[in-house]
Protein backbone atom coordinates (compact mmCIF):
# COMPACT_ATOMS: atom_id res chain seq x y z
CA MET A 1 25.44 45.11 -13.13
CA ARG A 2 22.45 43.40 -11.52
CA PHE A 3 20.30 44.63 -8.71
CA SER A 4 16.88 44.16 -7.24
CA ILE A 5 14.47 46.42 -5.40
CA THR A 6 11.13 45.98 -3.73
CA THR A 7 8.26 48.37 -4.30
CA LYS A 8 4.95 49.06 -2.64
CA GLN A 9 2.07 47.29 -4.29
CA THR A 10 0.24 50.48 -5.19
CA ARG A 11 -2.83 50.53 -7.44
CA PRO A 12 -0.78 51.33 -10.59
CA VAL A 13 1.72 48.56 -9.79
CA GLN A 14 -1.12 46.11 -9.11
CA ALA A 15 -2.78 47.15 -12.39
CA ALA A 16 0.45 46.32 -14.27
CA ILE A 17 0.57 42.92 -12.54
CA ASP A 18 -3.10 42.21 -13.22
CA VAL A 19 -2.66 42.42 -17.00
CA ILE A 20 0.21 39.92 -17.17
CA ASP A 21 -0.82 37.24 -19.63
CA PRO A 22 -1.55 33.92 -17.86
CA GLY A 23 0.82 32.19 -20.30
CA ALA A 24 3.69 34.49 -19.29
CA TRP A 25 4.12 32.86 -15.87
CA VAL A 26 7.08 30.46 -15.70
CA SER A 27 7.70 27.90 -12.95
CA ILE A 28 10.85 28.42 -10.92
CA ALA A 29 12.67 26.23 -8.43
CA TYR A 30 12.22 28.42 -5.40
CA ILE A 31 13.88 26.48 -2.60
CA ALA A 32 13.44 29.29 -0.07
CA TYR A 33 9.68 28.74 -0.31
CA PRO A 34 8.79 26.70 2.79
CA HIS A 35 6.47 24.32 0.94
CA ALA A 36 8.95 23.35 -1.78
CA ILE A 37 9.82 19.67 -1.80
CA TYR A 38 12.79 17.85 -3.25
CA ASP A 39 11.89 15.09 -5.70
CA GLU A 40 14.54 12.38 -5.47
CA ALA A 41 13.42 10.77 -8.74
CA THR A 42 13.93 13.91 -10.83
CA GLN A 43 16.60 15.46 -8.59
CA GLN A 44 14.69 18.77 -8.63
CA TRP A 45 12.96 21.11 -6.23
CA ILE A 46 9.21 21.31 -6.83
CA SER A 47 7.12 24.29 -5.77
CA ASP A 48 4.18 26.42 -6.88
CA ALA A 49 6.45 29.44 -7.30
CA GLU A 50 6.28 31.27 -10.63
CA ILE A 51 7.75 34.41 -12.14
CA ALA A 52 6.71 36.75 -14.96
CA GLU A 53 8.06 39.89 -16.58
CA THR A 54 6.21 43.04 -17.65
CA THR A 55 6.87 46.77 -17.84
CA TYR A 56 5.74 49.53 -15.52
CA THR A 57 5.78 53.27 -16.11
CA ALA A 58 6.44 55.20 -12.91
CA TYR A 59 5.43 58.80 -12.22
CA GLN A 60 2.57 58.69 -14.74
CA SER A 61 0.97 61.80 -13.24
CA ARG A 62 4.08 63.86 -14.07
CA ARG A 63 5.29 65.33 -17.35
CA LYS A 64 6.31 62.78 -19.96
CA SER A 65 9.97 63.75 -19.53
CA GLU A 66 9.79 62.80 -15.83
CA GLN A 67 8.19 59.40 -16.41
CA ILE A 68 10.29 56.27 -16.56
CA THR A 69 9.37 52.83 -17.89
CA VAL A 70 11.10 49.98 -16.11
CA ARG A 71 11.23 46.22 -16.26
CA LEU A 72 9.00 44.68 -13.58
CA ILE A 73 9.79 41.10 -12.54
CA VAL A 74 6.96 39.62 -10.50
CA PRO A 75 7.22 36.45 -8.40
CA ARG A 76 4.16 34.66 -7.09
CA VAL A 77 3.35 31.56 -5.12
CA LYS A 78 -0.02 29.94 -5.69
């Protein structure tokens, strides 16, 4: 099963994003991005879109048993 959600960019979420290693970002062909261009020579979409993965622990102010660590997939466009 696959699904996706969007979350508010709260301070804790932003802190998790801020510590993503610069080498962890991977280019993606993001054709929905309005500035992507199609390169006829390589037959590929080219854009500045990137994606990285990290973890995020939600409900950190609660008891340990109520906290949950999740996979956080972060897209960005330069």
